[in-house]
Protein backbone atom coordinates (compact mmCIF):
# COMPACT_ATOMS: atom_id res chain seq x y z
CA MET A 1 34.76 4.34 19.67
CA LYS A 2 32.01 2.78 17.58
CA THR A 3 31.17 3.78 14.03
CA ARG A 4 28.00 2.92 12.16
CA LEU A 5 27.90 2.10 8.45
CA PHE A 6 24.66 1.24 6.65
CA THR A 7 24.99 -0.71 3.40
CA ALA A 8 22.40 -1.69 0.82
CA LEU A 9 23.25 -5.36 1.36
CA SER A 10 22.76 -5.77 5.10
CA VAL A 11 22.03 -2.31 6.49
CA ALA A 12 23.83 -3.47 9.63
CA LEU A 13 25.73 -1.71 12.35
CA ILE A 14 29.47 -2.38 12.03
CA LEU A 15 31.91 -1.64 14.80
CA THR A 16 35.66 -1.37 14.88
CA TRP A 17 36.97 -4.34 16.86
CA SER A 18 40.34 -5.10 18.31
CA CYS A 19 42.05 -8.19 16.95
CA SER A 20 42.03 -9.98 20.30
CA GLY A 21 38.99 -11.64 21.86
CA PRO A 22 37.67 -11.15 25.40
CA SER A 23 40.23 -10.97 28.17
CA ASP A 24 40.49 -13.79 30.69
CA GLY A 25 38.12 -13.55 33.64
CA VAL A 26 34.39 -13.06 34.13
CA HIS A 27 32.49 -10.69 31.86
CA ARG A 28 29.03 -9.59 33.07
CA LEU A 29 26.61 -8.18 30.48
CA THR A 30 23.23 -6.78 31.56
CA ILE A 31 20.56 -6.58 28.86
CA LEU A 32 17.57 -4.30 29.53
CA THR A 33 14.47 -4.24 27.34
CA THR A 34 11.26 -2.31 27.00
CA ASN A 35 8.46 -3.09 24.56
CA ASP A 36 4.90 -2.11 23.66
CA VAL A 37 5.43 1.31 25.18
CA HIS A 38 2.53 2.65 23.05
CA GLY A 39 3.47 6.27 23.56
CA ALA A 40 3.65 6.14 27.36
CA VAL A 41 6.34 8.80 27.38
CA PHE A 42 5.28 11.30 30.01
CA ASP A 43 4.71 10.56 33.70
CA SER A 44 1.59 12.71 34.13
CA SER A 45 -1.77 13.10 32.45
CA TYR A 46 -2.39 15.93 29.99
CA VAL A 47 -5.72 16.61 31.69
CA ASP A 48 -5.72 16.07 35.46
CA GLY A 49 -2.08 15.61 36.48
CA ARG A 50 -2.39 11.95 37.51
CA THR A 51 0.90 10.03 37.40
CA PHE A 52 1.57 6.87 35.41
CA PRO A 53 4.41 4.46 34.70
CA SER A 54 6.23 6.04 31.78
CA MET A 55 9.44 6.21 29.82
CA VAL A 56 10.39 9.24 31.90
CA ALA A 57 10.15 7.03 35.01
CA ALA A 58 11.74 4.02 33.27
CA SER A 59 14.72 6.20 32.42
CA ALA A 60 15.48 6.73 36.11
CA LEU A 61 15.39 2.96 36.69
CA ILE A 62 17.59 2.26 33.67
CA ASP A 63 20.14 4.84 34.79
CA SER A 64 20.24 3.25 38.25
CA VAL A 65 21.16 -0.08 36.64
CA ARG A 66 23.83 1.63 34.55
CA ALA A 67 25.24 3.24 37.68
CA ALA A 68 25.40 -0.13 39.46
CA GLU A 69 26.69 -2.22 36.54
CA GLY A 70 28.72 0.34 34.63
CA ARG A 71 27.34 1.99 31.52
CA GLN A 72 29.70 0.06 29.27
CA ASN A 73 28.26 -3.20 30.62
CA VAL A 74 24.57 -2.47 29.86
CA LEU A 75 22.78 -3.03 26.54
CA LEU A 76 19.40 -1.27 26.15
CA LEU A 77 16.87 -2.44 23.56
CA ASP A 78 13.22 -1.78 22.69
CA ALA A 79 11.22 -4.60 21.08
CA GLY A 80 8.68 -2.46 19.24
CA ASP A 81 5.21 -0.86 19.26
CA PHE A 82 5.93 2.68 20.37
CA LEU A 83 4.34 4.70 17.52
CA GLN A 84 0.70 4.23 18.55
CA GLY A 85 -1.44 4.48 21.66
CA ASP A 86 -1.07 7.98 23.12
CA ASN A 87 -1.73 11.57 22.15
CA CYS A 88 1.98 12.37 22.01
CA VAL A 89 2.86 9.89 19.26
CA TYR A 90 -0.36 10.68 17.39
CA PHE A 91 0.60 14.36 17.46
CA PHE A 92 4.09 13.78 16.05
CA ASN A 93 2.87 11.12 13.60
CA TYR A 94 0.10 13.12 11.95
CA VAL A 95 -0.20 16.69 13.28
CA ASP A 96 3.30 18.11 13.65
CA THR A 97 5.06 16.33 10.81
CA LEU A 98 7.73 19.00 10.32
CA SER A 99 9.44 18.94 13.74
CA PRO A 100 11.82 16.09 14.56
CA HIS A 101 9.73 13.16 15.77
CA LEU A 102 9.47 12.68 19.53
CA CYS A 103 10.43 8.99 19.58
CA PRO A 104 13.92 9.06 18.00
CA ARG A 105 14.79 12.07 20.15
CA LEU A 106 13.59 10.31 23.32
CA TYR A 107 15.33 7.01 22.55
CA ASP A 108 18.52 8.87 21.78
CA ALA A 109 18.31 10.80 25.06
CA MET A 110 17.77 7.52 26.95
CA ARG A 111 20.77 6.01 25.09
CA TYR A 112 19.00 3.06 23.48
CA ASP A 113 21.33 0.83 21.52
CA ALA A 114 18.72 -0.54 19.08
CA VAL A 115 14.96 -0.57 18.43
CA VAL A 116 12.78 -3.26 16.82
CA VAL A 117 9.87 -2.51 14.47
CA GLY A 118 6.44 -3.48 15.87
CA ASN A 119 3.17 -4.12 14.07
CA HIS A 120 1.63 -0.89 15.39
CA ASP A 121 4.71 0.96 14.18
CA VAL A 122 4.02 -0.37 10.69
CA GLU A 123 0.33 0.46 11.10
CA SER A 124 1.26 4.13 11.34
CA GLY A 125 1.99 3.95 7.59
CA HIS A 126 4.98 4.42 5.32
CA LYS A 127 5.11 8.20 5.74
CA VAL A 128 5.49 7.81 9.50
CA PHE A 129 7.74 4.77 9.89
CA ASP A 130 9.99 5.74 6.97
CA ARG A 131 10.47 9.16 8.55
CA VAL A 132 11.12 7.64 11.99
CA MET A 133 13.63 5.16 10.54
CA LYS A 134 15.52 8.00 8.86
CA GLU A 135 15.64 9.95 12.13
CA PHE A 136 16.78 6.86 14.09
CA HIS A 137 19.59 6.39 11.58
CA SER A 138 20.60 10.03 11.86
CA LYS A 139 21.17 9.36 15.57
CA GLY A 140 23.01 6.08 14.93
CA ILE A 141 20.22 3.87 16.30
CA PRO A 142 19.42 0.75 14.23
CA PHE A 143 15.73 0.11 13.44
CA LEU A 144 15.56 -3.68 13.21
CA ALA A 145 13.24 -6.04 11.31
CA ALA A 146 15.19 -8.55 9.25
CA ASN A 147 12.09 -10.49 8.20
CA ALA A 148 10.37 -7.44 6.66
CA VAL A 149 11.56 -7.74 3.09
CA ARG A 150 11.00 -6.03 -0.22
CA GLU A 151 9.56 -7.83 -3.21
CA ASP A 152 13.09 -8.79 -4.31
CA GLY A 153 13.77 -10.37 -0.90
CA SER A 154 16.13 -7.67 0.35
CA PRO A 155 15.59 -6.31 3.89
CA TYR A 156 13.65 -3.05 4.17
CA PHE A 157 14.78 -2.26 7.72
CA ASP A 158 18.09 -3.02 9.47
CA GLU A 159 18.89 -6.71 9.94
CA TYR A 160 21.28 -6.72 12.85
CA ALA A 161 23.67 -4.65 14.95
CA LEU A 162 27.00 -5.29 16.68
CA PHE A 163 28.10 -3.72 19.95
CA ARG A 164 31.11 -3.82 22.25
CA LYS A 165 29.68 -4.26 25.74
CA ALA A 166 31.32 -5.64 28.91
CA GLY A 167 34.43 -6.41 26.85
CA LEU A 168 32.34 -8.70 24.64
CA LYS A 169 31.28 -8.63 21.02
CA VAL A 170 27.46 -8.62 21.18
CA LEU A 171 25.26 -9.43 18.19
CA VAL A 172 21.63 -8.23 18.19
CA LEU A 173 19.29 -9.52 15.48
CA GLY A 174 15.84 -7.91 15.21
CA PHE A 175 12.61 -9.29 13.71
CA THR A 176 9.06 -7.97 13.52
CA ASN A 177 5.73 -9.78 13.73
CA ALA A 178 5.18 -12.36 11.02
CA ASN A 179 1.38 -12.04 11.09
CA MET A 180 1.35 -8.40 9.96
CA LYS A 181 -0.54 -8.90 6.71
CA ALA A 182 -3.38 -10.66 8.52
CA TRP A 183 -4.24 -7.48 10.46
CA LEU A 184 -3.16 -4.47 8.47
CA SER A 185 -4.39 -3.00 5.22
CA GLU A 186 -1.92 -3.29 2.35
CA SER A 187 -2.01 0.48 2.03
CA VAL A 188 0.20 0.85 5.14
CA TRP A 189 2.80 -1.82 4.29
CA ARG A 190 2.70 -1.83 0.49
CA GLY A 191 5.87 -3.22 -1.06
CA LEU A 192 6.75 -5.41 1.93
CA ASP A 193 6.44 -9.05 2.91
CA PHE A 194 6.78 -10.44 6.43
CA LEU A 195 8.46 -13.84 6.83
CA SER A 196 7.65 -16.36 9.55
CA LEU A 197 10.24 -16.41 12.33
CA LEU A 198 10.56 -20.18 12.06
CA PRO A 199 12.96 -21.30 10.64
CA TYR A 200 14.08 -17.89 9.34
CA VAL A 201 15.58 -16.65 12.62
CA GLN A 202 17.83 -19.70 12.99
CA GLU A 203 18.98 -19.34 9.39
CA GLU A 204 19.85 -15.68 9.99
CA VAL A 205 21.60 -16.47 13.28
CA ASP A 206 23.74 -19.11 11.61
CA ARG A 207 24.59 -16.91 8.64
CA ILE A 208 25.50 -13.80 10.62
CA GLN A 209 27.32 -15.63 13.43
CA ALA A 210 29.53 -17.30 10.84
CA ARG A 211 30.48 -13.88 9.52
CA GLU A 212 30.73 -11.85 12.74
CA LYS A 213 31.73 -14.49 15.35
CA PRO A 214 30.10 -12.77 18.35
CA ASP A 215 30.57 -13.71 22.01
CA VAL A 216 26.89 -13.08 22.87
CA THR A 217 23.86 -13.31 20.58
CA VAL A 218 20.53 -11.62 21.33
CA VAL A 219 17.40 -12.15 19.22
CA ALA A 220 14.85 -9.34 19.73
CA VAL A 221 11.44 -10.00 18.20
CA HIS A 222 8.15 -8.18 18.11
CA SER A 223 6.25 -11.39 18.68
CA GLY A 224 4.24 -12.62 21.65
CA THR A 225 5.47 -15.13 24.22
CA GLY A 226 2.90 -17.66 22.98
CA ARG A 227 2.39 -21.24 24.09
CA GLY A 228 5.48 -22.82 22.58
CA ASP A 229 3.48 -25.27 20.47
CA GLY A 230 4.20 -23.69 17.09
CA GLY A 231 0.54 -22.85 16.59
CA GLU A 232 0.56 -19.04 16.83
CA LEU A 233 2.14 -17.10 13.99
CA GLU A 234 1.85 -13.85 15.94
CA SER A 235 3.31 -15.26 19.18
CA GLN A 236 6.49 -17.24 18.54
CA GLY A 237 8.59 -16.29 21.56
CA LEU A 238 8.54 -19.66 23.32
CA ASP A 239 8.82 -21.41 19.95
CA LEU A 240 12.12 -19.60 19.45
CA LEU A 241 13.26 -20.30 23.01
CA GLU A 242 12.72 -24.02 22.56
CA SER A 243 14.25 -24.28 19.10
CA LEU A 244 17.08 -21.76 18.68
CA LYS A 245 20.68 -22.91 18.84
CA GLY A 246 23.60 -20.62 19.57
CA VAL A 247 21.43 -17.81 21.01
CA ASP A 248 21.79 -16.51 24.56
CA VAL A 249 18.77 -14.23 24.98
CA VAL A 250 15.40 -13.91 23.24
CA ALA A 251 13.60 -10.63 23.89
CA CYS A 252 9.95 -10.82 22.87
CA SER A 253 6.92 -8.52 23.19
CA HIS A 254 3.50 -7.90 21.57
CA ASP A 255 1.16 -9.69 24.01
CA HIS A 256 1.65 -7.17 26.86
CA ARG A 257 2.46 -10.04 29.25
CA PRO A 258 5.46 -9.50 31.55
CA PHE A 259 7.35 -12.79 31.55
CA THR A 260 10.85 -14.21 31.93
CA VAL A 261 12.23 -17.75 31.86
CA CYS A 262 15.56 -19.58 31.42
CA ARG A 263 16.18 -22.89 29.64
CA ASP A 264 19.69 -24.27 30.09
CA SER A 265 21.80 -22.04 27.86
CA ILE A 266 19.10 -19.59 26.67
CA CYS A 267 16.61 -17.25 28.33
CA LEU A 268 13.54 -15.25 27.29
CA ILE A 269 12.39 -11.85 28.55
CA ASN A 270 9.23 -9.80 27.89
CA SER A 271 8.71 -6.52 29.78
CA GLY A 272 4.93 -6.34 29.25
CA SER A 273 3.70 -2.93 28.11
CA ARG A 274 3.50 0.82 28.69
CA ALA A 275 6.77 1.04 30.65
CA GLN A 276 5.36 -0.68 33.72
CA TYR A 277 8.42 -2.93 33.86
CA VAL A 278 11.90 -3.10 32.40
CA ALA A 279 12.93 -6.68 31.62
CA GLN A 280 16.47 -7.74 32.51
CA ALA A 281 18.72 -10.59 31.42
CA VAL A 282 22.22 -10.99 32.83
CA VAL A 283 24.81 -13.00 30.89
CA GLU A 284 28.02 -13.91 32.72
CA LEU A 285 30.78 -15.46 30.63
CA GLU A 286 34.10 -16.70 32.00
CA PHE A 287 37.13 -16.92 29.72
CA LYS A 288 40.40 -18.74 30.40
CA ASP A 289 43.35 -18.81 28.04
CA GLY A 290 41.17 -17.06 25.48
CA GLN A 291 38.47 -19.76 25.62
CA LYS A 292 34.97 -19.55 27.07
CA VAL A 293 34.78 -21.97 30.00
CA SER A 294 31.40 -21.14 31.58
CA LYS A 295 28.14 -19.25 31.03
CA THR A 296 25.53 -18.21 33.60
CA LEU A 297 22.14 -16.68 32.78
CA SER A 298 19.59 -14.97 35.00
CA THR A 299 16.46 -12.90 34.34
CA GLY A 300 14.12 -10.55 36.17
CA LEU A 301 11.43 -7.92 35.86
CA LEU A 302 12.28 -4.50 37.29
CA LYS A 303 9.20 -2.58 38.44
CA VAL A 304 9.09 1.03 37.26
CA ASP A 305 8.27 3.47 40.08
CA LYS A 306 5.92 6.04 38.53
CA ASN A 307 6.72 8.44 41.35
CA ARG A 308 10.48 8.51 40.68
CA PRO A 309 10.94 10.05 37.24
CA ASP A 310 14.15 11.11 35.56
CA THR A 311 13.77 14.81 36.35
CA LEU A 312 16.39 15.92 33.83
CA LEU A 313 14.72 13.96 31.03
CA ARG A 314 11.30 15.26 32.04
CA ALA A 315 12.58 18.84 31.97
CA ALA A 316 14.25 18.32 28.59
CA PHE A 317 11.00 17.09 27.03
CA ARG A 318 8.68 19.48 28.86
CA PRO A 319 8.23 21.66 25.74
CA ASP A 320 6.97 18.55 23.89
CA PHE A 321 4.59 17.76 26.73
CA GLU A 322 3.17 21.27 26.67
CA LYS A 323 2.79 21.22 22.88
CA VAL A 324 0.87 17.92 23.03
CA ARG A 325 -1.13 19.07 26.05
CA ASN A 326 -2.32 22.21 24.28
CA PHE A 327 -3.34 20.15 21.27
CA THR A 328 -5.10 17.48 23.30
CA LEU A 329 -7.20 19.99 25.30
CA GLU A 330 -8.88 21.32 22.16
CA PRO A 331 -12.69 21.42 22.82
CA VAL A 332 -14.73 19.02 20.68
CA ALA A 333 -18.33 18.79 21.89
CA ILE A 334 -20.60 18.75 24.96
CA LEU A 335 -21.38 15.26 26.28
CA GLU A 336 -24.88 15.28 27.75
CA GLU A 337 -24.50 12.23 30.01
CA THR A 338 -21.65 10.37 31.71
CA VAL A 339 -20.45 7.39 29.69
CA ASN A 340 -18.62 4.37 31.17
CA THR A 341 -16.77 2.09 28.76
CA ARG A 342 -17.13 -0.93 31.08
CA ASP A 343 -20.89 -0.94 30.45
CA ALA A 344 -20.14 -2.46 27.02
CA PHE A 345 -19.47 -5.87 28.60
CA ALA A 346 -22.95 -6.18 30.14
CA GLY A 347 -24.99 -5.41 27.03
CA MET A 348 -25.87 -2.42 24.88
CA SER A 349 -24.18 0.74 26.12
CA SER A 350 -23.95 4.43 25.28
CA TYR A 351 -20.23 3.93 24.61
CA MET A 352 -20.69 1.32 21.92
CA ASP A 353 -23.85 2.99 20.58
CA LEU A 354 -21.79 6.12 19.87
CA ILE A 355 -19.12 4.18 17.96
CA HIS A 356 -21.73 2.22 16.00
CA THR A 357 -23.60 5.44 15.17
CA VAL A 358 -20.50 7.08 13.72
CA GLN A 359 -19.61 3.95 11.73
CA LEU A 360 -23.11 3.72 10.24
CA HIS A 361 -23.35 7.44 9.50
CA SER A 362 -19.90 7.47 7.86
CA THR A 363 -20.52 4.51 5.56
CA GLY A 364 -24.28 4.34 5.08
CA ALA A 365 -23.90 0.60 5.77
CA GLU A 366 -26.75 -1.57 7.05
CA VAL A 367 -24.74 -3.17 9.84
CA SER A 368 -21.90 -2.01 12.09
CA ILE A 369 -19.51 -4.33 13.93
CA ALA A 370 -17.24 -2.94 16.68
CA ALA A 371 -15.62 -3.86 19.98
CA PRO A 372 -14.72 -1.86 23.10
CA LEU A 373 -11.12 -0.63 22.92
CA SER A 374 -11.10 0.80 26.47
CA VAL A 375 -11.86 -1.49 29.41
CA ASN A 376 -12.68 0.90 32.24
CA ARG A 377 -12.72 4.58 31.33
CA THR A 378 -15.28 7.19 32.35
CA LEU A 379 -16.21 10.20 30.23
CA LYS A 380 -18.03 12.64 32.49
CA ALA A 381 -20.93 14.72 31.25
CA GLY A 382 -19.71 18.11 30.10
CA GLN A 383 -17.02 19.38 27.76
CA LEU A 384 -15.27 16.72 25.67
CA VAL A 385 -11.74 17.54 24.50
CA PHE A 386 -9.56 15.78 21.94
CA HIS A 387 -7.91 13.77 24.73
CA ASP A 388 -11.28 12.06 25.30
CA MET A 389 -11.23 10.72 21.74
CA PHE A 390 -8.50 8.31 22.86
CA ALA A 391 -10.79 6.95 25.58
CA LEU A 392 -13.50 6.45 22.99
CA TYR A 393 -11.15 4.89 20.44
CA ALA A 394 -7.60 4.01 21.43
CA TYR A 395 -6.08 2.91 18.12
CA GLU A 396 -5.51 4.33 14.63
CA ASN A 397 -7.76 1.80 12.87
CA ARG A 398 -9.37 2.91 9.63
CA LEU A 399 -13.05 2.32 8.95
CA CYS A 400 -13.88 -0.13 6.18
CA GLU A 401 -17.05 -1.13 4.39
CA VAL A 402 -17.21 -4.88 3.77
CA ARG A 403 -19.65 -7.18 1.98
CA LEU A 404 -20.93 -10.07 4.13
CA SER A 405 -23.81 -12.47 3.86
CA GLY A 406 -26.36 -12.62 6.65
CA SER A 407 -25.11 -16.05 7.70
CA GLU A 408 -21.53 -14.75 7.87
CA ILE A 409 -22.66 -11.91 10.15
CA ARG A 410 -24.46 -14.34 12.46
CA ASN A 411 -21.54 -16.79 12.48
CA PHE A 412 -19.11 -13.99 13.25
CA LEU A 413 -21.24 -12.86 16.20
CA GLU A 414 -21.31 -16.45 17.47
CA TYR A 415 -17.54 -16.45 17.32
CA SER A 416 -17.31 -13.10 19.11
CA TYR A 417 -19.67 -13.91 21.98
CA ASP A 418 -17.98 -17.26 22.53
CA SER A 419 -14.84 -15.38 23.59
CA TRP A 420 -16.95 -13.14 25.82
CA ILE A 421 -19.48 -15.34 27.66
CA GLN A 422 -19.47 -18.91 28.93
CA TYR A 423 -22.02 -21.66 29.58
CA PRO A 424 -22.50 -23.83 31.55
CA ALA A 425 -20.53 -22.07 34.28
CA PRO A 426 -21.03 -20.16 37.53
CA HIS A 427 -20.31 -16.92 35.63
CA VAL A 428 -21.99 -15.49 32.58
CA LEU A 429 -18.84 -13.61 31.56
CA LYS A 430 -15.72 -15.57 30.64
CA ILE A 431 -13.64 -14.39 33.59
CA ALA A 432 -11.11 -15.95 35.95
CA GLU A 433 -9.75 -15.10 39.38
CA ARG A 434 -6.25 -14.12 38.34
CA ASP A 435 -4.24 -10.96 37.96
CA ASP A 436 -4.07 -9.83 34.35
CA PRO A 437 -0.44 -8.98 33.54
CA ARG A 438 -1.52 -7.36 30.26
CA THR A 439 -3.56 -4.62 31.96
CA GLY A 440 -2.31 -4.68 35.54
CA GLN A 441 -5.84 -5.50 36.74
CA LYS A 442 -5.79 -7.33 40.07
CA GLY A 443 -8.14 -10.10 41.16
CA TRP A 444 -10.72 -11.07 38.56
CA SER A 445 -10.12 -10.40 34.87
CA PHE A 446 -11.35 -11.44 31.43
CA VAL A 447 -9.80 -14.61 30.05
CA ASN A 448 -9.71 -13.21 26.50
CA ARG A 449 -8.84 -9.82 25.05
CA THR A 450 -11.74 -7.40 25.25
CA TYR A 451 -10.90 -5.68 21.96
CA ASN A 452 -12.25 -8.85 20.32
CA PHE A 453 -15.66 -8.58 22.04
CA ASP A 454 -17.55 -7.40 18.96
CA SER A 455 -21.22 -6.50 19.00
CA ALA A 456 -23.38 -5.44 16.07
CA ALA A 457 -25.71 -2.53 15.36
CA GLY A 458 -28.21 -2.11 12.55
CA ILE A 459 -29.91 -5.39 13.46
CA ASN A 460 -32.16 -6.72 16.23
CA TYR A 461 -30.83 -9.84 17.90
CA THR A 462 -30.51 -11.78 21.15
CA VAL A 463 -27.67 -13.81 22.66
CA ASP A 464 -28.92 -16.80 24.68
CA VAL A 465 -26.36 -17.58 27.40
CA THR A 466 -27.99 -20.95 28.11
CA ARG A 467 -27.20 -22.24 24.63
CA PRO A 468 -23.86 -23.64 23.40
CA PHE A 469 -21.59 -22.07 20.79
CA GLY A 470 -23.28 -21.91 17.39
CA GLN A 471 -26.79 -21.66 18.83
CA ARG A 472 -26.68 -18.44 20.86
CA VAL A 473 -27.28 -15.63 18.36
CA LYS A 474 -30.79 -15.15 16.97
CA ILE A 475 -31.21 -12.25 14.52
CA SER A 476 -34.85 -11.26 14.08
CA SER A 477 -34.65 -8.30 11.68
CA LEU A 478 -32.76 -5.26 10.49
CA ALA A 479 -33.04 -2.19 12.72
CA ASP A 480 -35.98 -0.79 10.74
CA GLY A 481 -37.94 -4.04 11.04
CA THR A 482 -37.06 -5.36 7.57
CA PRO A 483 -36.59 -9.16 7.69
CA PHE A 484 -32.98 -10.28 8.06
CA GLU A 485 -32.01 -12.64 5.25
CA GLU A 486 -29.09 -14.98 5.83
CA ASP A 487 -28.48 -15.61 2.15
CA ARG A 488 -28.43 -11.90 1.17
CA GLN A 489 -25.28 -9.76 0.95
CA HIS A 490 -25.12 -6.89 3.44
CA ARG A 491 -22.93 -3.80 3.62
CA VAL A 492 -21.08 -3.91 6.95
CA ALA A 493 -18.93 -1.25 8.65
CA MET A 494 -15.94 -2.51 10.66
CA ASN A 495 -12.42 -1.35 11.43
CA SER A 496 -9.41 -2.16 9.27
CA TYR A 497 -7.91 -4.50 11.90
CA ARG A 498 -10.99 -6.69 11.67
CA ALA A 499 -11.55 -6.24 7.95
CA SER A 500 -7.97 -6.95 6.89
CA ALA A 501 -7.75 -9.98 9.17
CA GLY A 502 -10.79 -11.55 7.54
CA SER A 503 -11.85 -12.86 10.95
CA TYR A 504 -15.47 -12.73 9.79
CA LEU A 505 -14.55 -15.37 7.21
CA LYS A 506 -12.47 -17.49 9.61
CA ALA A 507 -15.39 -17.43 12.05
CA SER A 508 -17.65 -19.04 9.45
CA GLY A 509 -15.08 -21.64 8.47
CA LYS A 510 -14.31 -20.17 5.05
CA PRO A 511 -10.91 -19.45 3.49
CA ALA A 512 -9.52 -16.08 4.55
CA GLY A 513 -6.52 -15.59 2.30
CA PRO A 514 -5.49 -12.09 1.21
CA ASP A 515 -7.33 -12.33 -2.12
CA GLU A 516 -10.59 -13.44 -0.50
CA VAL A 517 -10.37 -10.74 2.15
CA GLU A 518 -9.51 -7.99 -0.34
CA LYS A 519 -12.41 -8.69 -2.67
CA ARG A 520 -14.86 -8.30 0.24
CA ILE A 521 -13.65 -4.79 1.14
CA VAL A 522 -15.79 -2.28 -0.75
CA ARG A 523 -13.95 0.86 0.41
CA ARG A 524 -11.66 2.25 3.09
CA LEU A 525 -12.38 5.49 4.90
CA ASP A 526 -10.55 7.67 7.43
CA GLU A 527 -9.44 6.48 10.88
CA VAL A 528 -12.38 5.72 13.17
CA ARG A 529 -11.15 8.13 15.85
CA ASN A 530 -10.95 10.96 13.34
CA LEU A 531 -14.47 10.19 12.12
CA ILE A 532 -15.76 10.30 15.72
CA TYR A 533 -13.94 13.59 16.28
CA GLU A 534 -15.24 15.21 13.09
CA GLU A 535 -18.83 14.10 13.67
CA LEU A 536 -18.93 15.22 17.30
CA ARG A 537 -17.25 18.53 16.48
CA SER A 538 -19.72 19.25 13.69
CA ARG A 539 -22.68 18.46 15.98
CA GLY A 540 -21.42 20.35 19.01
CA THR A 541 -23.32 18.08 21.41
CA ALA A 542 -23.63 14.33 21.95
CA GLY A 543 -26.44 12.71 23.88
CA PRO A 544 -29.01 9.91 23.73
CA ASP A 545 -31.02 11.67 21.03
CA TYR A 546 -27.96 11.31 18.78
CA TYR A 547 -26.52 7.88 19.62
CA SER A 548 -29.63 5.95 20.76
CA ASP A 549 -31.65 5.94 17.54
CA ARG A 550 -33.08 2.40 17.54
CA GLN A 551 -34.30 2.80 13.94
CA LEU A 552 -30.61 3.10 13.02
CA LEU A 553 -28.94 0.87 15.61
CA GLY A 554 -31.56 -1.76 16.38
CA SER A 555 -31.03 -3.54 19.69
CA TRP A 556 -29.50 -6.62 21.24
CA TYR A 557 -29.51 -8.17 24.69
CA PHE A 558 -28.59 -11.31 26.58
CA VAL A 559 -31.37 -13.80 27.38
CA PRO A 560 -32.95 -15.07 29.57
CA ARG A 561 -32.93 -11.49 30.85
CA GLU A 562 -33.64 -11.97 34.56
CA GLN A 563 -31.18 -14.85 34.90
CA VAL A 564 -28.51 -12.93 33.04
CA LYS A 565 -29.00 -9.72 35.05
CA LYS A 566 -28.35 -11.43 38.37
CA ALA A 567 -25.23 -13.25 37.15
CA MET A 568 -24.01 -10.23 35.16
CA ASP A 569 -24.32 -7.87 38.12
CA ALA A 570 -22.23 -10.28 40.22
CA ASP A 571 -19.57 -10.66 37.52
CA MET A 572 -19.30 -6.92 36.90
CA LEU A 573 -18.88 -6.37 40.63
CA LEU A 574 -15.98 -8.85 40.66
CA LEU A 575 -14.34 -7.14 37.70
CA PHE A 576 -14.89 -3.51 38.62
CA LYS A 577 -15.32 -3.39 42.39
């Protein structure tokens, strides 16, 4: 029987242990992880009944492993980012704030042992993640992020947890993303600091192992797999794999890339995203005369069958599904023409024009900068409902107004298009013939992440694909024909992810520390999705007469136009055939 005590010092899970260690023989522990679920709870759409990989389907897979291995031999963890990305979490984050939150109830029903804090969980804001942490604790589930500390250095979330599994004492240490402050406005994480995982994780492992003397140690981090070269603060998974001593399993996340690997006495697992896979690590320890004599590690990715849900879990949470479904089908406006989000990659598009229009109307700024947040979604002409707002804008980013010089705007666009197009090459888009594990797209896919493919509105410019980086973007004027001055300060609308990161400064080779970034932000407004919703609802209709005002938006296009069209058509066919 395990008991959980939370103290101000360590806020750790403490169990009652027997005095003796593991019994002689082989002990087999199976560790299962999910991560970056992003609200993929239900197995069917709120609108048309299509089925998806989901937590409801993952639950059936997890229970099948428990049945095969024995429930007492399975440890279930989530490595973070579950509080953003779907209507259901949005609803319980911001609409129904009085009912118990969906996520702690779901994770309790699925019998999770511990959950790690992700960057998008923090982005939901103190009111949300503080409430969720309290509800996790009420169910005895640790909410882990040892490197998220208060100003006095004490941990804000739980540091670690101990479990008795497979006759072994299992230590789980949890850490969140160290790069948090580079993306998120201080308003959502105020009072916290986020420490780099290197060398902090090893220091914590050493300290806690000395105290608790576990048989198995698991480090669960909301950090990407990375390259293993120490160069990515937000993706330190392989860095930890290569450097940690005394750790058996590293569970990472964040980059949406399903991946597993073993290195001698340690392994790494990453389940990808949105409950498409459950990652598995198996630790077999043999003891003789009370001493460990051998250890064997193995890993795998278990594919979630979207058509085989946990029917009991689905039935239990059906009232939540119906509540969210009713909310998400609320009429918003009439869309006068069909809009495809994929058109944004080939040039100006109705999709991006709509986002730019809302950003410019909301701020009164001269220039808007935005990127497509949906790769291949279609909004059909006719009635838009609230559910469609998630296709238009997937994340809870706030809109910011920022001061930038004309040269900084141009340099930032150079930086953006360099991740988007390539030259010289047989393709105009920067694509490769490879399956994309982040999105599940088969065949050809973008090399870089499309949510970084920013374009601008409020100015007239061209992007010359025959020119090298630094010489592609030519800005001729503001949208109304006023000359564009590179040495003048401009008011620019962009989302909080971009504004807080200061990527516009990094792109122009200037310092981008927190102080420099903060002094450029003139004001912060509501979330972009909410602004889109409110503007469309107040108008009642949305069509080209609303979002194609060239005096407001200006225009941009790739040149030379004929050469680009031929290559672009071929690339788009490869991507979206």
